[in-house]
């Protein structure tokens, strides 16, 4: 588990790019870490820094409707990345828990994501459910599933 020293902070979009590239663009056809929603109103980037002030975990939370209930408030989780040497240490859960608090504060009924199949178990262990069949995500060309957590 993560040590109690780690704190989640709001970070700038630009601060997420290096970690997104290293973790989320490795072995994919692109090295572009940017998302169209990065500057969308209401988007929040969360991050965790190590003792040397290096960003070691990040996630992006975007106000985007859930396709199975588009009239309800929802937040999409994007860009969940934890530095390789910190994976499976609890930092992903810490980001997830903080993002869920953020979503609840914005009266979101759902938090959803396009989860890589390689990370699907992480989401299922953290109260998300998988919806539908696997699909190949266009940018990464990797298999994904839609996952959702109903907040209320």
Protein backbone atom coordinates (compact mmCIF):
# COMPACT_ATOMS: atom_id res chain seq x y z
CA UNK A 1 0.00 0.00 0.00
CA UNK A 2 0.99 3.62 -0.40
CA UNK A 3 2.72 5.23 2.50
CA UNK A 4 0.81 7.99 4.32
CA UNK A 5 3.30 10.60 3.01
CA UNK A 6 1.72 10.65 -0.43
CA UNK A 7 -0.82 13.39 -1.00
CA UNK A 8 -3.04 14.00 -4.00
CA UNK A 9 -2.85 17.49 -5.48
CA UNK A 10 -4.43 19.31 -8.39
CA UNK A 11 -1.81 19.61 -11.14
CA UNK A 12 -1.60 21.44 -14.44
CA UNK A 13 -2.27 19.73 -17.71
CA UNK A 14 1.35 20.19 -18.79
CA UNK A 15 2.58 18.46 -15.65
CA UNK A 16 0.77 15.26 -16.70
CA UNK A 17 2.37 14.94 -20.13
CA UNK A 18 5.70 13.26 -19.30
CA UNK A 19 4.10 10.59 -17.12
CA UNK A 20 1.23 10.01 -19.55
CA UNK A 21 3.76 9.55 -22.35
CA UNK A 22 5.96 7.17 -20.35
CA UNK A 23 3.12 4.99 -19.05
CA UNK A 24 0.20 5.33 -21.45
CA UNK A 25 1.97 5.74 -24.77
CA UNK A 26 4.64 3.05 -24.37
CA UNK A 27 4.22 0.37 -27.05
CA UNK A 28 1.49 2.34 -28.84
CA UNK A 29 1.49 3.98 -32.29
CA UNK A 30 1.58 7.51 -30.80
CA UNK A 31 3.61 9.47 -28.29
CA UNK A 32 1.09 12.34 -28.02
CA UNK A 33 -0.07 12.60 -24.40
CA UNK A 34 -2.72 15.27 -25.01
CA UNK A 35 -6.50 14.79 -24.80
CA UNK A 36 -9.07 17.05 -26.42
CA UNK A 37 -10.77 17.36 -23.02
CA UNK A 38 -7.64 18.58 -21.20
CA UNK A 39 -8.78 22.20 -21.41
CA UNK A 40 -12.52 21.53 -21.30
CA UNK A 41 -14.26 23.56 -18.57
CA UNK A 42 -14.55 21.51 -15.39
CA UNK A 43 -11.66 19.17 -16.20
CA UNK A 44 -9.43 18.43 -13.21
CA UNK A 45 -6.00 16.80 -13.27
CA UNK A 46 -4.89 15.05 -10.09
CA UNK A 47 -1.33 14.07 -9.28
CA UNK A 48 0.90 12.56 -6.65
CA UNK A 49 4.54 13.63 -6.27
CA UNK A 50 7.40 11.73 -4.66
CA UNK A 51 9.76 13.24 -2.09
CA UNK A 52 11.87 14.70 -4.94
CA UNK A 53 8.83 16.47 -6.41
CA UNK A 54 8.61 14.11 -9.40
CA UNK A 55 5.09 13.36 -10.58
CA UNK A 56 4.62 9.62 -10.01
CA UNK A 57 0.86 9.25 -10.52
CA UNK A 58 -1.80 11.21 -12.36
CA UNK A 59 -5.42 11.04 -13.51
CA UNK A 60 -7.75 13.35 -15.38
CA UNK A 61 -11.43 13.83 -14.52
CA UNK A 62 -13.69 15.21 -17.26
CA UNK A 63 -17.36 16.14 -17.18
CA UNK A 64 -18.66 13.81 -19.91
CA UNK A 65 -22.01 12.02 -20.09
CA UNK A 66 -22.28 8.28 -19.54
CA UNK A 67 -23.65 6.85 -22.79
CA UNK A 68 -26.17 4.58 -21.04
CA UNK A 69 -27.74 7.50 -19.11
CA UNK A 70 -26.75 10.66 -21.01
CA UNK A 71 -29.09 12.99 -19.12
CA UNK A 72 -27.43 12.22 -15.76
CA UNK A 73 -24.35 14.06 -14.48
CA UNK A 74 -21.23 11.97 -15.05
CA UNK A 75 -17.47 12.25 -14.93
CA UNK A 76 -15.10 10.35 -17.17
CA UNK A 77 -11.76 9.21 -15.79
CA UNK A 78 -8.98 9.54 -18.36
CA UNK A 79 -5.22 9.27 -18.30
CA UNK A 80 -4.80 7.14 -15.19
CA UNK A 81 -1.05 6.63 -15.02
CA UNK A 82 1.25 5.46 -12.23
CA UNK A 83 5.02 5.36 -12.75
CA UNK A 84 6.12 1.79 -13.38
CA UNK A 85 8.17 1.50 -10.18
CA UNK A 86 5.16 2.65 -8.09
CA UNK A 87 2.50 0.45 -9.67
CA UNK A 88 0.65 -1.88 -7.30
CA UNK A 89 1.60 0.36 -4.34
CA UNK A 90 -1.85 1.86 -3.73
CA UNK A 91 -1.29 5.14 -5.56
CA UNK A 92 -3.85 4.31 -8.25
CA UNK A 93 -6.46 3.62 -5.58
CA UNK A 94 -5.55 6.87 -3.82
CA UNK A 95 -6.11 8.79 -7.08
CA UNK A 96 -9.32 6.89 -7.74
CA UNK A 97 -10.71 7.55 -4.27
CA UNK A 98 -9.86 11.26 -4.52
CA UNK A 99 -11.44 11.51 -7.97
CA UNK A 100 -14.62 9.81 -6.72
CA UNK A 101 -14.86 12.39 -3.92
CA UNK A 102 -14.46 15.09 -6.58
CA UNK A 103 -17.21 13.49 -8.69
CA UNK A 104 -19.59 13.25 -5.73
CA UNK A 105 -18.92 16.90 -4.88
CA UNK A 106 -20.09 17.71 -8.42
CA UNK A 107 -23.25 15.61 -7.99
CA UNK A 108 -22.14 13.08 -10.59
CA UNK A 109 -24.30 9.98 -10.71
CA UNK A 110 -21.61 8.03 -12.56
CA UNK A 111 -17.85 7.81 -12.96
CA UNK A 112 -16.82 5.94 -16.07
CA UNK A 113 -13.72 5.15 -18.08
CA UNK A 114 -12.38 3.32 -21.09
CA UNK A 115 -10.24 0.85 -19.17
CA UNK A 116 -7.40 -0.99 -20.81
CA UNK A 117 -7.95 -4.72 -20.53
CA UNK A 118 -4.56 -4.90 -18.80
CA UNK A 119 -5.98 -2.68 -16.01
CA UNK A 120 -9.52 -4.06 -15.97
CA UNK A 121 -9.04 -6.03 -12.73
CA UNK A 122 -7.95 -2.83 -10.95
CA UNK A 123 -11.27 -1.18 -11.77
CA UNK A 124 -13.32 -4.27 -10.95
CA UNK A 125 -11.60 -4.49 -7.53
CA UNK A 126 -12.56 -0.85 -6.94
CA UNK A 127 -16.34 -1.08 -7.39
CA UNK A 128 -16.53 -0.51 -11.14
CA UNK A 129 -18.44 -2.86 -13.41
CA UNK A 130 -17.55 -3.71 -16.97
CA UNK A 131 -20.18 -2.84 -19.59
CA UNK A 132 -20.28 -4.42 -23.03
CA UNK A 133 -17.68 -6.19 -25.08
CA UNK A 134 -14.00 -5.50 -25.47
CA UNK A 135 -13.08 -2.96 -28.16
CA UNK A 136 -9.87 -1.69 -29.67
CA UNK A 137 -9.29 1.93 -28.69
CA UNK A 138 -8.30 3.99 -31.73
CA UNK A 139 -5.32 5.95 -30.41
CA UNK A 140 -3.50 3.18 -28.55
CA UNK A 141 -4.75 0.25 -30.64
CA UNK A 142 -5.09 -1.69 -27.37
CA UNK A 143 -8.09 -3.68 -26.11
CA UNK A 144 -10.37 -1.78 -23.70
CA UNK A 145 -13.67 -2.18 -21.88
CA UNK A 146 -16.07 0.49 -20.72
CA UNK A 147 -16.27 0.51 -16.93
CA UNK A 148 -18.65 2.45 -14.71
CA UNK A 149 -19.31 3.06 -11.05
CA UNK A 150 -22.76 4.31 -10.07
CA UNK A 151 -22.30 6.78 -7.21
CA UNK A 152 -25.94 7.08 -6.10
